N, C-alpha and C. Protein backbone atom coordinates (compact mmCIF):
# COMPACT_ATOMS: atom_id res chain seq x y z
N MET A 1 0.83 -1.18 0.00
CA MET A 1 0.00 0.00 0.00
C MET A 1 0.88 1.25 0.00
N ASP A 2 0.49 2.23 -0.78
CA ASP A 2 1.25 3.48 -0.83
C ASP A 2 0.94 4.35 0.38
N ALA A 3 1.86 5.22 0.71
CA ALA A 3 1.68 6.15 1.82
C ALA A 3 0.64 7.20 1.44
N TYR A 4 -0.05 7.71 2.44
CA TYR A 4 -1.01 8.78 2.18
C TYR A 4 -0.27 10.05 1.78
N SER A 5 -0.87 10.83 0.90
CA SER A 5 -0.22 12.04 0.41
C SER A 5 -0.06 13.07 1.53
N GLU A 6 0.89 13.95 1.32
CA GLU A 6 1.14 15.01 2.31
C GLU A 6 -0.08 15.92 2.39
N ASP A 7 -0.75 16.14 1.27
CA ASP A 7 -1.94 16.98 1.22
C ASP A 7 -3.05 16.41 2.12
N LEU A 8 -3.29 15.10 2.03
CA LEU A 8 -4.30 14.46 2.87
C LEU A 8 -3.92 14.57 4.34
N ARG A 9 -2.67 14.37 4.64
CA ARG A 9 -2.21 14.46 6.02
C ARG A 9 -2.45 15.87 6.59
N LYS A 10 -2.20 16.89 5.76
CA LYS A 10 -2.43 18.27 6.20
C LYS A 10 -3.91 18.53 6.42
N LYS A 11 -4.76 17.98 5.56
CA LYS A 11 -6.21 18.16 5.72
C LYS A 11 -6.70 17.52 7.01
N ILE A 12 -6.15 16.36 7.33
CA ILE A 12 -6.54 15.68 8.57
C ILE A 12 -6.16 16.53 9.78
N VAL A 13 -4.94 17.03 9.80
CA VAL A 13 -4.48 17.86 10.92
C VAL A 13 -5.29 19.15 10.99
N GLN A 14 -5.60 19.71 9.83
CA GLN A 14 -6.40 20.94 9.78
C GLN A 14 -7.80 20.69 10.35
N ALA A 15 -8.38 19.53 10.03
CA ALA A 15 -9.70 19.19 10.56
C ALA A 15 -9.65 19.05 12.08
N LEU A 16 -8.57 18.51 12.60
CA LEU A 16 -8.43 18.37 14.05
C LEU A 16 -8.34 19.73 14.72
N ARG A 17 -7.62 20.66 14.12
CA ARG A 17 -7.42 21.99 14.71
C ARG A 17 -8.61 22.91 14.51
N GLU A 18 -8.95 23.15 13.24
CA GLU A 18 -9.93 24.19 12.93
C GLU A 18 -11.38 23.76 13.16
N ARG A 19 -11.69 22.52 12.80
CA ARG A 19 -13.07 22.07 12.97
C ARG A 19 -13.31 21.42 14.33
N ARG A 20 -12.27 21.38 15.11
CA ARG A 20 -12.35 20.78 16.46
C ARG A 20 -12.90 19.36 16.40
N MET A 21 -12.52 18.65 15.35
CA MET A 21 -12.95 17.27 15.17
C MET A 21 -12.07 16.40 16.07
N ASN A 22 -12.66 15.38 16.72
CA ASN A 22 -11.80 14.51 17.50
C ASN A 22 -11.15 13.48 16.58
N LYS A 23 -10.16 12.78 17.08
CA LYS A 23 -9.33 11.92 16.23
C LYS A 23 -10.11 10.78 15.58
N SER A 24 -11.01 10.16 16.32
CA SER A 24 -11.77 9.05 15.74
C SER A 24 -12.73 9.54 14.65
N GLU A 25 -13.30 10.73 14.83
CA GLU A 25 -14.17 11.31 13.78
C GLU A 25 -13.36 11.60 12.52
N ALA A 26 -12.16 12.16 12.70
CA ALA A 26 -11.30 12.47 11.57
C ALA A 26 -10.90 11.19 10.83
N ALA A 27 -10.61 10.15 11.57
CA ALA A 27 -10.24 8.88 10.95
C ALA A 27 -11.37 8.35 10.08
N ARG A 28 -12.60 8.40 10.61
CA ARG A 28 -13.77 7.94 9.85
C ARG A 28 -14.03 8.83 8.65
N ALA A 29 -13.96 10.15 8.85
CA ALA A 29 -14.26 11.10 7.77
C ALA A 29 -13.28 10.99 6.60
N PHE A 30 -12.01 10.73 6.89
CA PHE A 30 -11.00 10.69 5.82
C PHE A 30 -10.65 9.27 5.38
N GLY A 31 -11.24 8.28 6.04
CA GLY A 31 -11.02 6.89 5.64
C GLY A 31 -9.62 6.39 5.93
N VAL A 32 -9.05 6.84 7.04
CA VAL A 32 -7.72 6.37 7.45
C VAL A 32 -7.83 5.76 8.84
N SER A 33 -6.79 5.10 9.28
CA SER A 33 -6.82 4.48 10.60
C SER A 33 -6.64 5.53 11.70
N LEU A 34 -7.13 5.20 12.86
CA LEU A 34 -7.01 6.08 14.03
C LEU A 34 -5.53 6.28 14.38
N SER A 35 -4.74 5.21 14.25
CA SER A 35 -3.31 5.33 14.57
C SER A 35 -2.60 6.30 13.62
N SER A 36 -3.05 6.35 12.36
CA SER A 36 -2.45 7.30 11.41
C SER A 36 -2.76 8.73 11.83
N VAL A 37 -4.01 8.97 12.22
CA VAL A 37 -4.41 10.31 12.66
C VAL A 37 -3.59 10.72 13.88
N LYS A 38 -3.44 9.80 14.82
CA LYS A 38 -2.65 10.09 16.02
C LYS A 38 -1.19 10.40 15.66
N ARG A 39 -0.64 9.64 14.72
CA ARG A 39 0.74 9.84 14.29
C ARG A 39 0.93 11.21 13.65
N TYR A 40 -0.02 11.63 12.79
CA TYR A 40 0.08 12.93 12.13
C TYR A 40 -0.06 14.07 13.14
N ALA A 41 -0.97 13.93 14.08
CA ALA A 41 -1.16 14.96 15.11
C ALA A 41 0.11 15.10 15.97
N LYS A 42 0.71 13.97 16.30
CA LYS A 42 1.92 13.99 17.11
C LYS A 42 3.07 14.63 16.34
N ALA A 43 3.18 14.32 15.03
CA ALA A 43 4.25 14.90 14.21
C ALA A 43 4.14 16.41 14.17
N VAL A 44 2.93 16.93 14.01
CA VAL A 44 2.73 18.39 13.97
C VAL A 44 3.04 19.00 15.33
N ARG A 45 2.59 18.34 16.38
CA ARG A 45 2.83 18.83 17.74
C ARG A 45 4.33 18.91 18.03
N GLU A 46 5.10 17.96 17.50
CA GLU A 46 6.54 17.94 17.73
C GLU A 46 7.31 18.75 16.70
N GLY A 47 6.59 19.36 15.75
CA GLY A 47 7.23 20.22 14.75
C GLY A 47 7.90 19.46 13.62
N ARG A 48 7.53 18.19 13.42
CA ARG A 48 8.12 17.41 12.33
C ARG A 48 7.30 17.54 11.06
N SER A 49 7.88 17.18 9.95
CA SER A 49 7.23 17.25 8.65
C SER A 49 6.15 16.17 8.52
N LEU A 50 5.14 16.46 7.74
CA LEU A 50 4.09 15.48 7.48
C LEU A 50 4.35 14.69 6.20
N SER A 51 5.43 14.99 5.51
CA SER A 51 5.69 14.30 4.26
C SER A 51 6.03 12.83 4.53
N PRO A 52 5.60 11.94 3.63
CA PRO A 52 5.87 10.51 3.82
C PRO A 52 7.36 10.23 3.79
N GLY A 53 7.81 9.30 4.59
CA GLY A 53 9.22 8.94 4.62
C GLY A 53 9.57 7.98 3.50
N LYS A 54 10.83 7.65 3.40
CA LYS A 54 11.29 6.71 2.38
C LYS A 54 10.84 5.30 2.78
N ALA A 55 10.41 4.55 1.78
CA ALA A 55 9.96 3.18 2.04
C ALA A 55 11.16 2.31 2.43
N PRO A 56 10.97 1.42 3.39
CA PRO A 56 12.07 0.55 3.80
C PRO A 56 12.35 -0.51 2.74
N GLY A 57 13.49 -1.11 2.82
CA GLY A 57 13.83 -2.18 1.88
C GLY A 57 15.23 -2.69 2.16
N LYS A 58 15.60 -3.72 1.43
CA LYS A 58 16.94 -4.28 1.61
C LYS A 58 17.97 -3.39 0.95
N ARG A 59 19.15 -3.36 1.56
CA ARG A 59 20.27 -2.65 0.93
C ARG A 59 20.78 -3.53 -0.20
N PRO A 60 21.23 -2.93 -1.30
CA PRO A 60 21.78 -3.74 -2.38
C PRO A 60 23.06 -4.45 -1.94
N LYS A 61 23.26 -5.67 -2.43
CA LYS A 61 24.46 -6.42 -2.06
C LYS A 61 25.71 -5.79 -2.65
N LEU A 62 25.57 -5.20 -3.84
CA LEU A 62 26.71 -4.53 -4.47
C LEU A 62 26.56 -3.03 -4.32
N ASP A 63 27.46 -2.42 -3.57
CA ASP A 63 27.41 -0.96 -3.43
C ASP A 63 27.99 -0.30 -4.68
N GLU A 64 28.01 1.03 -4.69
CA GLU A 64 28.46 1.77 -5.87
C GLU A 64 29.92 1.46 -6.21
N LYS A 65 30.75 1.33 -5.20
CA LYS A 65 32.18 1.03 -5.42
C LYS A 65 32.32 -0.33 -6.11
N ALA A 66 31.60 -1.33 -5.61
CA ALA A 66 31.67 -2.67 -6.18
C ALA A 66 31.15 -2.68 -7.62
N ARG A 67 30.11 -1.89 -7.89
CA ARG A 67 29.58 -1.81 -9.25
C ARG A 67 30.61 -1.21 -10.22
N ARG A 68 31.29 -0.16 -9.77
CA ARG A 68 32.32 0.45 -10.62
C ARG A 68 33.46 -0.53 -10.89
N LEU A 69 33.88 -1.25 -9.85
CA LEU A 69 34.93 -2.25 -10.02
C LEU A 69 34.49 -3.35 -10.98
N LEU A 70 33.24 -3.78 -10.84
CA LEU A 70 32.70 -4.82 -11.71
C LEU A 70 32.65 -4.35 -13.16
N GLU A 71 32.22 -3.11 -13.36
CA GLU A 71 32.15 -2.56 -14.71
C GLU A 71 33.55 -2.47 -15.34
N ALA A 72 34.52 -2.03 -14.57
CA ALA A 72 35.90 -1.94 -15.07
C ALA A 72 36.44 -3.34 -15.39
N ASP A 73 36.09 -4.31 -14.56
CA ASP A 73 36.54 -5.68 -14.78
C ASP A 73 35.95 -6.24 -16.07
N VAL A 74 34.69 -5.96 -16.33
CA VAL A 74 34.05 -6.45 -17.55
C VAL A 74 34.70 -5.82 -18.78
N GLN A 75 35.04 -4.53 -18.69
CA GLN A 75 35.70 -3.86 -19.81
C GLN A 75 37.09 -4.48 -20.05
N GLU A 76 37.77 -4.77 -18.95
CA GLU A 76 39.13 -5.28 -19.04
C GLU A 76 39.17 -6.76 -19.44
N ARG A 77 38.25 -7.56 -18.88
CA ARG A 77 38.24 -9.00 -19.14
C ARG A 77 36.83 -9.46 -19.56
N PRO A 78 36.44 -9.21 -20.82
CA PRO A 78 35.08 -9.54 -21.25
C PRO A 78 34.78 -11.04 -21.28
N PHE A 79 35.81 -11.89 -21.39
CA PHE A 79 35.58 -13.33 -21.48
C PHE A 79 35.62 -14.04 -20.12
N ALA A 80 35.85 -13.32 -19.04
CA ALA A 80 35.95 -13.95 -17.72
C ALA A 80 34.63 -14.58 -17.31
N LYS A 81 34.72 -15.69 -16.60
CA LYS A 81 33.52 -16.39 -16.12
C LYS A 81 32.99 -15.69 -14.87
N LEU A 82 31.73 -15.96 -14.56
CA LEU A 82 31.12 -15.36 -13.37
C LEU A 82 31.88 -15.77 -12.11
N SER A 83 32.35 -17.00 -12.06
CA SER A 83 33.09 -17.45 -10.87
C SER A 83 34.39 -16.65 -10.69
N ASP A 84 35.02 -16.29 -11.83
CA ASP A 84 36.23 -15.46 -11.76
C ASP A 84 35.90 -14.05 -11.26
N ARG A 85 34.80 -13.53 -11.73
CA ARG A 85 34.37 -12.19 -11.29
C ARG A 85 33.99 -12.21 -9.81
N GLN A 86 33.39 -13.30 -9.38
CA GLN A 86 33.03 -13.48 -7.97
C GLN A 86 34.30 -13.39 -7.11
N GLU A 87 35.32 -14.13 -7.47
CA GLU A 87 36.58 -14.14 -6.73
C GLU A 87 37.23 -12.76 -6.75
N TYR A 88 37.17 -12.11 -7.92
CA TYR A 88 37.75 -10.76 -8.06
C TYR A 88 37.08 -9.78 -7.10
N LEU A 89 35.75 -9.78 -7.08
CA LEU A 89 35.03 -8.85 -6.19
C LEU A 89 35.32 -9.14 -4.73
N GLU A 90 35.41 -10.41 -4.38
CA GLU A 90 35.69 -10.75 -2.99
C GLU A 90 37.10 -10.30 -2.60
N ARG A 91 38.05 -10.49 -3.52
CA ARG A 91 39.45 -10.13 -3.25
C ARG A 91 39.64 -8.61 -3.19
N VAL A 92 39.06 -7.88 -4.14
CA VAL A 92 39.31 -6.45 -4.27
C VAL A 92 38.39 -5.61 -3.39
N ALA A 93 37.10 -5.94 -3.39
CA ALA A 93 36.13 -5.11 -2.67
C ALA A 93 35.66 -5.73 -1.35
N GLY A 94 36.00 -7.00 -1.13
CA GLY A 94 35.55 -7.67 0.09
C GLY A 94 34.07 -7.98 0.07
N VAL A 95 33.48 -8.08 -1.13
CA VAL A 95 32.05 -8.35 -1.27
C VAL A 95 31.86 -9.77 -1.77
N LYS A 96 31.09 -10.55 -1.03
CA LYS A 96 30.84 -11.94 -1.42
C LYS A 96 29.39 -12.05 -1.89
N VAL A 97 29.22 -12.37 -3.18
CA VAL A 97 27.88 -12.52 -3.76
C VAL A 97 27.83 -13.80 -4.58
N SER A 98 26.62 -14.30 -4.81
CA SER A 98 26.45 -15.50 -5.62
C SER A 98 26.60 -15.17 -7.10
N GLU A 99 26.78 -16.20 -7.91
CA GLU A 99 26.87 -16.01 -9.36
C GLU A 99 25.56 -15.44 -9.90
N SER A 100 24.44 -15.88 -9.32
CA SER A 100 23.13 -15.38 -9.77
C SER A 100 23.00 -13.88 -9.52
N THR A 101 23.41 -13.44 -8.34
CA THR A 101 23.36 -12.02 -8.01
C THR A 101 24.26 -11.23 -8.93
N LEU A 102 25.42 -11.78 -9.20
CA LEU A 102 26.38 -11.14 -10.09
C LEU A 102 25.82 -11.01 -11.50
N SER A 103 25.20 -12.07 -11.98
CA SER A 103 24.60 -12.06 -13.32
C SER A 103 23.48 -11.03 -13.41
N ARG A 104 22.62 -10.98 -12.39
CA ARG A 104 21.53 -9.99 -12.38
C ARG A 104 22.07 -8.57 -12.36
N ALA A 105 23.13 -8.36 -11.57
CA ALA A 105 23.74 -7.03 -11.49
C ALA A 105 24.31 -6.60 -12.84
N LEU A 106 24.98 -7.52 -13.51
CA LEU A 106 25.55 -7.21 -14.83
C LEU A 106 24.45 -6.87 -15.84
N ARG A 107 23.38 -7.62 -15.81
CA ARG A 107 22.26 -7.34 -16.73
C ARG A 107 21.62 -6.00 -16.42
N LYS A 108 21.50 -5.70 -15.13
CA LYS A 108 20.93 -4.42 -14.72
C LYS A 108 21.82 -3.25 -15.16
N MET A 109 23.12 -3.50 -15.23
CA MET A 109 24.08 -2.48 -15.64
C MET A 109 24.13 -2.34 -17.17
N GLY A 110 23.36 -3.18 -17.87
CA GLY A 110 23.29 -3.07 -19.32
C GLY A 110 24.17 -4.03 -20.09
N PHE A 111 24.75 -5.01 -19.41
CA PHE A 111 25.61 -5.99 -20.08
C PHE A 111 24.80 -7.23 -20.43
N GLY A 112 25.23 -7.90 -21.47
CA GLY A 112 24.62 -9.15 -21.87
C GLY A 112 25.69 -10.08 -22.41
N ARG A 113 25.39 -11.38 -22.49
CA ARG A 113 26.35 -12.36 -23.00
C ARG A 113 26.21 -12.46 -24.52
N LYS A 114 27.31 -12.43 -25.19
CA LYS A 114 27.30 -12.60 -26.63
C LYS A 114 28.55 -13.38 -27.03
N LYS A 115 28.34 -14.59 -27.54
CA LYS A 115 29.44 -15.46 -27.98
C LYS A 115 30.49 -15.62 -26.89
N GLY A 116 30.03 -15.88 -25.67
CA GLY A 116 30.95 -16.19 -24.58
C GLY A 116 31.56 -15.00 -23.87
N ARG A 117 31.19 -13.79 -24.23
CA ARG A 117 31.77 -12.63 -23.54
C ARG A 117 30.67 -11.66 -23.13
N TRP A 118 30.97 -10.85 -22.14
CA TRP A 118 30.01 -9.84 -21.66
C TRP A 118 30.22 -8.55 -22.44
N VAL A 119 29.16 -8.04 -23.04
CA VAL A 119 29.23 -6.79 -23.80
C VAL A 119 28.03 -5.92 -23.43
N ARG A 120 28.16 -4.62 -23.66
CA ARG A 120 27.03 -3.73 -23.46
C ARG A 120 25.95 -4.08 -24.46
N ALA A 121 24.73 -4.21 -24.01
CA ALA A 121 23.63 -4.50 -24.91
C ALA A 121 23.39 -3.27 -25.78
N SER A 122 23.22 -3.47 -27.07
CA SER A 122 23.01 -2.33 -27.97
C SER A 122 21.58 -1.84 -27.85
N LYS A 123 21.35 -0.62 -28.26
CA LYS A 123 20.01 -0.01 -28.17
C LYS A 123 19.01 -0.72 -29.08
N THR A 124 19.51 -1.29 -30.19
CA THR A 124 18.62 -1.89 -31.17
C THR A 124 18.30 -3.34 -30.88
N SER A 125 19.12 -4.03 -30.06
CA SER A 125 18.83 -5.43 -29.77
C SER A 125 17.67 -5.55 -28.81
N SER A 126 16.99 -6.69 -28.89
CA SER A 126 15.81 -6.87 -28.03
C SER A 126 16.08 -7.80 -26.89
């Protein structure tokens, strides 16, 4: 589910202040949970922003440094196997990832396999 918009959050807080609506009435009127209304009221009371925060998620296994090293390695050694690249990343960047993760990362970076080597996928290929 997506976060409620900042505009809706402001309207809820405004209804609590100006219309003297209690929290449960505001929750029913705007179709949100009572805990959300309480959270927005508390944020305003504490002087915090009502804008939605960043959604949580897993950190990527390959950070920016590892991606740059991987890209340089592909340019330098296009015929290297995934297992060789795995060892290289572990040795140079201290990052241990599976071959599957490595393959997905390379594809996400725009590389593809062609006749046994990794190359940048062209704009015209499908």
